[in-house]
PDB file of all heavy atoms in Angstrom:
ATOM      1  N   SER A   1      -0.039  -5.975  -1.519  1.00  0.00           N
ATOM      2  CA  SER A   1       1.007  -5.031  -1.695  1.00  0.00           C
ATOM      3  C   SER A   1       2.021  -5.562  -2.640  1.00  0.00           C
ATOM      4  O   SER A   1       2.479  -6.692  -2.491  1.00  0.00           O
ATOM      5  CB  SER A   1       1.587  -4.603  -0.301  1.00  0.00           C
ATOM      6  OG  SER A   1       2.691  -3.715  -0.526  1.00  0.00           O
ATOM      7  N   GLU A   2       2.450  -4.676  -3.577  1.00  0.00           N
ATOM      8  CA  GLU A   2       3.563  -5.109  -4.459  1.00  0.00           C
ATOM      9  C   GLU A   2       4.489  -3.907  -4.720  1.00  0.00           C
ATOM     10  O   GLU A   2       4.062  -2.768  -4.686  1.00  0.00           O
ATOM     11  CB  GLU A   2       3.019  -5.655  -5.788  1.00  0.00           C
ATOM     12  CG  GLU A   2       2.272  -4.621  -6.657  1.00  0.00           C
ATOM     13  CD  GLU A   2       1.702  -5.220  -7.900  1.00  0.00           C
ATOM     14  OE1 GLU A   2       2.311  -6.174  -8.453  1.00  0.00           O
ATOM     15  OE2 GLU A   2       0.549  -4.848  -8.261  1.00  0.00           O
ATOM     16  N   LEU A   3       5.740  -4.219  -4.881  1.00  0.00           N
ATOM     17  CA  LEU A   3       6.756  -3.212  -5.199  1.00  0.00           C
ATOM     18  C   LEU A   3       6.441  -2.513  -6.516  1.00  0.00           C
ATOM     19  O   LEU A   3       6.217  -3.179  -7.531  1.00  0.00           O
ATOM     20  CB  LEU A   3       8.107  -3.863  -5.241  1.00  0.00           C
ATOM     21  CG  LEU A   3       9.352  -2.881  -5.379  1.00  0.00           C
ATOM     22  CD1 LEU A   3       9.378  -1.958  -4.144  1.00  0.00           C
ATOM     23  CD2 LEU A   3      10.634  -3.699  -5.485  1.00  0.00           C
ATOM     24  N   LEU A   4       6.376  -1.205  -6.500  1.00  0.00           N
ATOM     25  CA  LEU A   4       6.125  -0.455  -7.767  1.00  0.00           C
ATOM     26  C   LEU A   4       7.435   0.100  -8.333  1.00  0.00           C
ATOM     27  O   LEU A   4       7.581   0.019  -9.555  1.00  0.00           O
ATOM     28  CB  LEU A   4       5.115   0.645  -7.361  1.00  0.00           C
ATOM     29  CG  LEU A   4       4.412   1.425  -8.464  1.00  0.00           C
ATOM     30  CD1 LEU A   4       3.557   0.429  -9.279  1.00  0.00           C
ATOM     31  CD2 LEU A   4       3.493   2.497  -7.866  1.00  0.00           C
ATOM     32  N   ALA A   5       8.311   0.641  -7.510  1.00  0.00           N
ATOM     33  CA  ALA A   5       9.577   1.193  -7.955  1.00  0.00           C
ATOM     34  C   ALA A   5      10.614   1.171  -6.861  1.00  0.00           C
ATOM     35  O   ALA A   5      10.282   1.396  -5.686  1.00  0.00           O
ATOM     36  CB  ALA A   5       9.369   2.621  -8.363  1.00  0.00           C
ATOM     37  N   ASP A   6      11.791   0.803  -7.218  1.00  0.00           N
ATOM     38  CA  ASP A   6      12.964   0.828  -6.278  1.00  0.00           C
ATOM     39  C   ASP A   6      14.060   1.409  -7.117  1.00  0.00           C
ATOM     40  O   ASP A   6      14.765   0.688  -7.855  1.00  0.00           O
ATOM     41  CB  ASP A   6      13.243  -0.498  -5.724  1.00  0.00           C
ATOM     42  CG  ASP A   6      14.274  -0.437  -4.572  1.00  0.00           C
ATOM     43  OD1 ASP A   6      14.646   0.654  -4.220  1.00  0.00           O
ATOM     44  OD2 ASP A   6      14.568  -1.446  -4.038  1.00  0.00           O
ATOM     45  N   CYS A   7      14.300   2.738  -7.059  1.00  0.00           N
ATOM     46  CA  CYS A   7      15.283   3.409  -7.812  1.00  0.00           C
ATOM     47  C   CYS A   7      15.976   4.422  -6.949  1.00  0.00           C
ATOM     48  O   CYS A   7      15.641   4.620  -5.772  1.00  0.00           O
ATOM     49  CB  CYS A   7      14.625   4.070  -8.996  1.00  0.00           C
ATOM     50  SG  CYS A   7      13.267   5.179  -8.630  1.00  0.00           S
ATOM     51  N   PRO A   8      17.011   5.128  -7.464  1.00  0.00           N
ATOM     52  CA  PRO A   8      17.735   6.100  -6.638  1.00  0.00           C
ATOM     53  C   PRO A   8      16.836   7.209  -6.013  1.00  0.00           C
ATOM     54  O   PRO A   8      17.193   7.734  -4.946  1.00  0.00           O
ATOM     55  CB  PRO A   8      18.806   6.696  -7.557  1.00  0.00           C
ATOM     56  CG  PRO A   8      19.022   5.600  -8.617  1.00  0.00           C
ATOM     57  CD  PRO A   8      17.675   4.958  -8.745  1.00  0.00           C
ATOM     58  N   GLU A   9      15.782   7.576  -6.685  1.00  0.00           N
ATOM     59  CA  GLU A   9      14.894   8.650  -6.282  1.00  0.00           C
ATOM     60  C   GLU A   9      13.909   8.226  -5.155  1.00  0.00           C
ATOM     61  O   GLU A   9      13.413   9.064  -4.359  1.00  0.00           O
ATOM     62  CB  GLU A   9      14.114   9.284  -7.394  1.00  0.00           C
ATOM     63  CG  GLU A   9      14.998   9.877  -8.482  1.00  0.00           C
ATOM     64  CD  GLU A   9      15.594   8.939  -9.469  1.00  0.00           C
ATOM     65  OE1 GLU A   9      14.979   7.866  -9.611  1.00  0.00           O
ATOM     66  OE2 GLU A   9      16.624   9.201 -10.049  1.00  0.00           O
ATOM     67  N   ARG A  10      13.437   6.969  -5.230  1.00  0.00           N
ATOM     68  CA  ARG A  10      12.372   6.527  -4.306  1.00  0.00           C
ATOM     69  C   ARG A  10      12.188   5.021  -4.322  1.00  0.00           C
ATOM     70  O   ARG A  10      12.588   4.363  -5.264  1.00  0.00           O
ATOM     71  CB  ARG A  10      11.038   7.206  -4.577  1.00  0.00           C
ATOM     72  CG  ARG A  10      10.444   6.696  -5.879  1.00  0.00           C
ATOM     73  CD  ARG A  10       9.160   7.411  -6.315  1.00  0.00           C
ATOM     74  NE  ARG A  10       8.710   7.021  -7.531  1.00  0.00           N
ATOM     75  CZ  ARG A  10       9.212   7.266  -8.727  1.00  0.00           C
ATOM     76  NH1 ARG A  10      10.307   8.026  -8.803  1.00  0.00           N
ATOM     77  NH2 ARG A  10       8.746   6.882  -9.831  1.00  0.00           N
ATOM     78  N   CYS A  11      11.500   4.592  -3.239  1.00  0.00           N
ATOM     79  CA  CYS A  11      11.050   3.221  -3.224  1.00  0.00           C
ATOM     80  C   CYS A  11       9.511   3.348  -2.950  1.00  0.00           C
ATOM     81  O   CYS A  11       9.077   4.028  -2.018  1.00  0.00           O
ATOM     82  CB  CYS A  11      11.741   2.436  -2.103  1.00  0.00           C
ATOM     83  SG  CYS A  11      11.167   0.702  -2.011  1.00  0.00           S
ATOM     84  N   SER A  12       8.697   2.738  -3.826  1.00  0.00           N
ATOM     85  CA  SER A  12       7.251   2.888  -3.641  1.00  0.00           C
ATOM     86  C   SER A  12       6.552   1.534  -3.866  1.00  0.00           C
ATOM     87  O   SER A  12       7.098   0.615  -4.506  1.00  0.00           O
ATOM     88  CB  SER A  12       6.693   3.898  -4.643  1.00  0.00           C
ATOM     89  OG  SER A  12       6.947   3.580  -5.981  1.00  0.00           O
ATOM     90  N   VAL A  13       5.381   1.407  -3.274  1.00  0.00           N
ATOM     91  CA  VAL A  13       4.604   0.198  -3.403  1.00  0.00           C
ATOM     92  C   VAL A  13       3.204   0.578  -3.915  1.00  0.00           C
ATOM     93  O   VAL A  13       2.782   1.704  -3.829  1.00  0.00           O
ATOM     94  CB  VAL A  13       4.424  -0.526  -2.074  1.00  0.00           C
ATOM     95  CG1 VAL A  13       5.821  -1.062  -1.582  1.00  0.00           C
ATOM     96  CG2 VAL A  13       3.834   0.339  -1.041  1.00  0.00           C
ATOM     97  N   GLN A  14       2.593  -0.412  -4.517  1.00  0.00           N
ATOM     98  CA  GLN A  14       1.173  -0.264  -4.865  1.00  0.00           C
ATOM     99  C   GLN A  14       0.363  -1.206  -3.948  1.00  0.00           C
ATOM    100  O   GLN A  14       0.684  -2.344  -3.776  1.00  0.00           O
ATOM    101  CB  GLN A  14       0.915  -0.695  -6.318  1.00  0.00           C
ATOM    102  CG  GLN A  14      -0.477  -0.551  -6.783  1.00  0.00           C
ATOM    103  CD  GLN A  14      -0.581  -0.667  -8.295  1.00  0.00           C
ATOM    104  OE1 GLN A  14      -0.330   0.276  -9.023  1.00  0.00           O
ATOM    105  NE2 GLN A  14      -1.025  -1.795  -8.684  1.00  0.00           N
ATOM    106  N   ILE A  15      -0.698  -0.606  -3.343  1.00  0.00           N
ATOM    107  CA  ILE A  15      -1.522  -1.391  -2.415  1.00  0.00           C
ATOM    108  C   ILE A  15      -2.988  -1.460  -2.988  1.00  0.00           C
ATOM    109  O   ILE A  15      -3.537  -0.447  -3.368  1.00  0.00           O
ATOM    110  CB  ILE A  15      -1.594  -0.658  -1.016  1.00  0.00           C
ATOM    111  CG1 ILE A  15      -0.085  -0.686  -0.482  1.00  0.00           C
ATOM    112  CG2 ILE A  15      -2.407  -1.448  -0.079  1.00  0.00           C
ATOM    113  CD1 ILE A  15       0.081   0.172   0.720  1.00  0.00           C
ATOM    114  N   THR A  16      -3.489  -2.670  -2.984  1.00  0.00           N
ATOM    115  CA  THR A  16      -4.820  -2.883  -3.521  1.00  0.00           C
ATOM    116  C   THR A  16      -5.671  -3.491  -2.420  1.00  0.00           C
ATOM    117  O   THR A  16      -5.395  -4.659  -1.952  1.00  0.00           O
ATOM    118  CB  THR A  16      -4.759  -3.916  -4.713  1.00  0.00           C
ATOM    119  OG1 THR A  16      -3.893  -3.374  -5.720  1.00  0.00           O
ATOM    120  CG2 THR A  16      -6.204  -4.061  -5.295  1.00  0.00           C
ATOM    121  N   PRO A  17      -6.723  -2.833  -1.989  1.00  0.00           N
ATOM    122  CA  PRO A  17      -7.633  -3.415  -0.997  1.00  0.00           C
ATOM    123  C   PRO A  17      -8.386  -4.589  -1.657  1.00  0.00           C
ATOM    124  O   PRO A  17      -8.777  -4.523  -2.807  1.00  0.00           O
ATOM    125  CB  PRO A  17      -8.630  -2.321  -0.709  1.00  0.00           C
ATOM    126  CG  PRO A  17      -7.903  -1.017  -1.046  1.00  0.00           C
ATOM    127  CD  PRO A  17      -7.052  -1.421  -2.271  1.00  0.00           C
ATOM    128  N   LEU A  18      -8.493  -5.687  -0.884  1.00  0.00           N
ATOM    129  CA  LEU A  18      -9.183  -6.879  -1.445  1.00  0.00           C
ATOM    130  C   LEU A  18     -10.650  -6.906  -1.005  1.00  0.00           C
ATOM    131  O   LEU A  18     -11.099  -6.049  -0.208  1.00  0.00           O
ATOM    132  CB  LEU A  18      -8.455  -8.090  -0.922  1.00  0.00           C
ATOM    133  CG  LEU A  18      -6.978  -8.192  -1.300  1.00  0.00           C
ATOM    134  CD1 LEU A  18      -6.262  -9.376  -0.638  1.00  0.00           C
ATOM    135  CD2 LEU A  18      -6.836  -8.269  -2.798  1.00  0.00           C
ATOM    136  N   SER A  19     -11.386  -7.848  -1.500  1.00  0.00           N
ATOM    137  CA  SER A  19     -12.809  -7.909  -1.224  1.00  0.00           C
ATOM    138  C   SER A  19     -13.144  -8.097   0.272  1.00  0.00           C
ATOM    139  O   SER A  19     -14.195  -7.723   0.728  1.00  0.00           O
ATOM    140  CB  SER A  19     -13.449  -9.079  -1.994  1.00  0.00           C
ATOM    141  OG  SER A  19     -12.912 -10.264  -1.610  1.00  0.00           O
ATOM    142  N   GLY A  20     -12.194  -8.596   1.098  1.00  0.00           N
ATOM    143  CA  GLY A  20     -12.405  -8.721   2.491  1.00  0.00           C
ATOM    144  C   GLY A  20     -12.216  -7.510   3.295  1.00  0.00           C
ATOM    145  O   GLY A  20     -12.516  -7.452   4.503  1.00  0.00           O
ATOM    146  N   PHE A  21     -11.838  -6.330   2.660  1.00  0.00           N
ATOM    147  CA  PHE A  21     -11.706  -5.111   3.303  1.00  0.00           C
ATOM    148  C   PHE A  21     -13.091  -4.617   3.692  1.00  0.00           C
ATOM    149  O   PHE A  21     -13.879  -4.226   2.819  1.00  0.00           O
ATOM    150  CB  PHE A  21     -10.994  -4.038   2.417  1.00  0.00           C
ATOM    151  CG  PHE A  21     -10.419  -2.851   3.209  1.00  0.00           C
ATOM    152  CD1 PHE A  21      -9.129  -2.775   3.521  1.00  0.00           C
ATOM    153  CD2 PHE A  21     -11.298  -1.863   3.599  1.00  0.00           C
ATOM    154  CE1 PHE A  21      -8.667  -1.652   4.219  1.00  0.00           C
ATOM    155  CE2 PHE A  21     -10.854  -0.713   4.199  1.00  0.00           C
ATOM    156  CZ  PHE A  21      -9.513  -0.631   4.577  1.00  0.00           C
ATOM    157  N   GLY A  22     -13.364  -4.569   5.013  1.00  0.00           N
ATOM    158  CA  GLY A  22     -14.733  -4.259   5.451  1.00  0.00           C
ATOM    159  C   GLY A  22     -14.847  -2.864   6.058  1.00  0.00           C
ATOM    160  O   GLY A  22     -13.888  -2.117   6.067  1.00  0.00           O
ATOM    161  N   PRO A  23     -16.081  -2.586   6.421  1.00  0.00           N
ATOM    162  CA  PRO A  23     -16.357  -1.196   7.010  1.00  0.00           C
ATOM    163  C   PRO A  23     -15.637  -0.852   8.292  1.00  0.00           C
ATOM    164  O   PRO A  23     -15.518   0.255   8.659  1.00  0.00           O
ATOM    165  CB  PRO A  23     -17.891  -1.207   7.159  1.00  0.00           C
ATOM    166  CG  PRO A  23     -18.319  -2.605   7.226  1.00  0.00           C
ATOM    167  CD  PRO A  23     -17.296  -3.357   6.436  1.00  0.00           C
ATOM    168  N   ASP A  24     -15.218  -1.866   8.980  1.00  0.00           N
ATOM    169  CA  ASP A  24     -14.446  -1.693  10.227  1.00  0.00           C
ATOM    170  C   ASP A  24     -12.987  -1.776  10.143  1.00  0.00           C
ATOM    171  O   ASP A  24     -12.266  -1.757  11.166  1.00  0.00           O
ATOM    172  CB  ASP A  24     -14.967  -2.623  11.311  1.00  0.00           C
ATOM    173  CG  ASP A  24     -16.429  -2.376  11.686  1.00  0.00           C
ATOM    174  OD1 ASP A  24     -16.899  -1.245  11.655  1.00  0.00           O
ATOM    175  OD2 ASP A  24     -17.154  -3.428  11.996  1.00  0.00           O
ATOM    176  N   ASP A  25     -12.482  -1.906   8.902  1.00  0.00           N
ATOM    177  CA  ASP A  25     -11.042  -2.001   8.623  1.00  0.00           C
ATOM    178  C   ASP A  25     -10.419  -0.616   8.365  1.00  0.00           C
ATOM    179  O   ASP A  25     -11.125   0.339   8.113  1.00  0.00           O
ATOM    180  CB  ASP A  25     -10.812  -2.955   7.500  1.00  0.00           C
ATOM    181  CG  ASP A  25     -11.068  -4.418   7.839  1.00  0.00           C
ATOM    182  OD1 ASP A  25     -10.638  -4.818   8.939  1.00  0.00           O
ATOM    183  OD2 ASP A  25     -11.743  -5.077   7.049  1.00  0.00           O
ATOM    184  N   TYR A  26      -9.078  -0.653   8.496  1.00  0.00           N
ATOM    185  CA  TYR A  26      -8.402   0.552   8.219  1.00  0.00           C
ATOM    186  C   TYR A  26      -7.088   0.305   7.411  1.00  0.00           C
ATOM    187  O   TYR A  26      -6.526  -0.833   7.430  1.00  0.00           O
ATOM    188  CB  TYR A  26      -8.049   1.405   9.503  1.00  0.00           C
ATOM    189  CG  TYR A  26      -7.127   0.660  10.437  1.00  0.00           C
ATOM    190  CD1 TYR A  26      -5.762   0.603  10.247  1.00  0.00           C
ATOM    191  CD2 TYR A  26      -7.617   0.176  11.576  1.00  0.00           C
ATOM    192  CE1 TYR A  26      -4.925   0.011  11.100  1.00  0.00           C
ATOM    193  CE2 TYR A  26      -6.776  -0.496  12.486  1.00  0.00           C
ATOM    194  CZ  TYR A  26      -5.434  -0.528  12.249  1.00  0.00           C
ATOM    195  OH  TYR A  26      -4.627  -1.144  13.195  1.00  0.00           O
ATOM    196  N   LEU A  27      -6.584   1.319   6.782  1.00  0.00           N
ATOM    197  CA  LEU A  27      -5.271   1.359   6.158  1.00  0.00           C
ATOM    198  C   LEU A  27      -4.700   2.706   6.457  1.00  0.00           C
ATOM    199  O   LEU A  27      -5.253   3.735   6.166  1.00  0.00           O
ATOM    200  CB  LEU A  27      -5.433   1.182   4.615  1.00  0.00           C
ATOM    201  CG  LEU A  27      -4.163   0.861   3.828  1.00  0.00           C
ATOM    202  CD1 LEU A  27      -3.534  -0.437   4.218  1.00  0.00           C
ATOM    203  CD2 LEU A  27      -4.530   0.774   2.324  1.00  0.00           C
ATOM    204  N   VAL A  28      -3.525   2.668   7.166  1.00  0.00           N
ATOM    205  CA  VAL A  28      -2.907   3.865   7.723  1.00  0.00           C
ATOM    206  C   VAL A  28      -1.456   3.969   7.265  1.00  0.00           C
ATOM    207  O   VAL A  28      -0.745   3.049   7.289  1.00  0.00           O
ATOM    208  CB  VAL A  28      -3.040   3.935   9.215  1.00  0.00           C
ATOM    209  CG1 VAL A  28      -2.264   5.055   9.857  1.00  0.00           C
ATOM    210  CG2 VAL A  28      -4.468   4.026   9.671  1.00  0.00           C
ATOM    211  N   GLU A  29      -1.066   5.201   6.950  1.00  0.00           N
ATOM    212  CA  GLU A  29       0.337   5.495   6.512  1.00  0.00           C
ATOM    213  C   GLU A  29       1.017   6.253   7.670  1.00  0.00           C
ATOM    214  O   GLU A  29       0.428   7.253   8.175  1.00  0.00           O
ATOM    215  CB  GLU A  29       0.333   6.334   5.245  1.00  0.00           C
ATOM    216  CG  GLU A  29       1.717   6.838   4.895  1.00  0.00           C
ATOM    217  CD  GLU A  29       1.573   7.884   3.789  1.00  0.00           C
ATOM    218  OE1 GLU A  29       1.412   9.064   4.078  1.00  0.00           O
ATOM    219  OE2 GLU A  29       1.616   7.451   2.623  1.00  0.00           O
ATOM    220  N   VAL A  30       2.108   5.734   8.152  1.00  0.00           N
ATOM    221  CA  VAL A  30       2.917   6.387   9.256  1.00  0.00           C
ATOM    222  C   VAL A  30       4.177   6.913   8.595  1.00  0.00           C
ATOM    223  O   VAL A  30       4.998   6.146   8.084  1.00  0.00           O
ATOM    224  CB  VAL A  30       3.145   5.437  10.398  1.00  0.00           C
ATOM    225  CG1 VAL A  30       4.059   6.143  11.478  1.00  0.00           C
ATOM    226  CG2 VAL A  30       1.877   4.916  11.062  1.00  0.00           C
ATOM    227  N   THR A  31       4.404   8.203   8.709  1.00  0.00           N
ATOM    228  CA  THR A  31       5.627   8.858   8.153  1.00  0.00           C
ATOM    229  C   THR A  31       6.589   9.228   9.253  1.00  0.00           C
ATOM    230  O   THR A  31       6.215   9.815  10.262  1.00  0.00           O
ATOM    231  CB  THR A  31       5.230  10.115   7.352  1.00  0.00           C
ATOM    232  OG1 THR A  31       4.258   9.751   6.285  1.00  0.00           O
ATOM    233  CG2 THR A  31       6.464  10.802   6.740  1.00  0.00           C
TER     234      THR A  31
END
């Protein structure tokens, strides 16, 4: 994960799954 933008309108990140991300793994967003 790396910071993509931090400005008055928003703060966002870019997330890159790595080679170790397997079929039993998850990535979940909680709002």
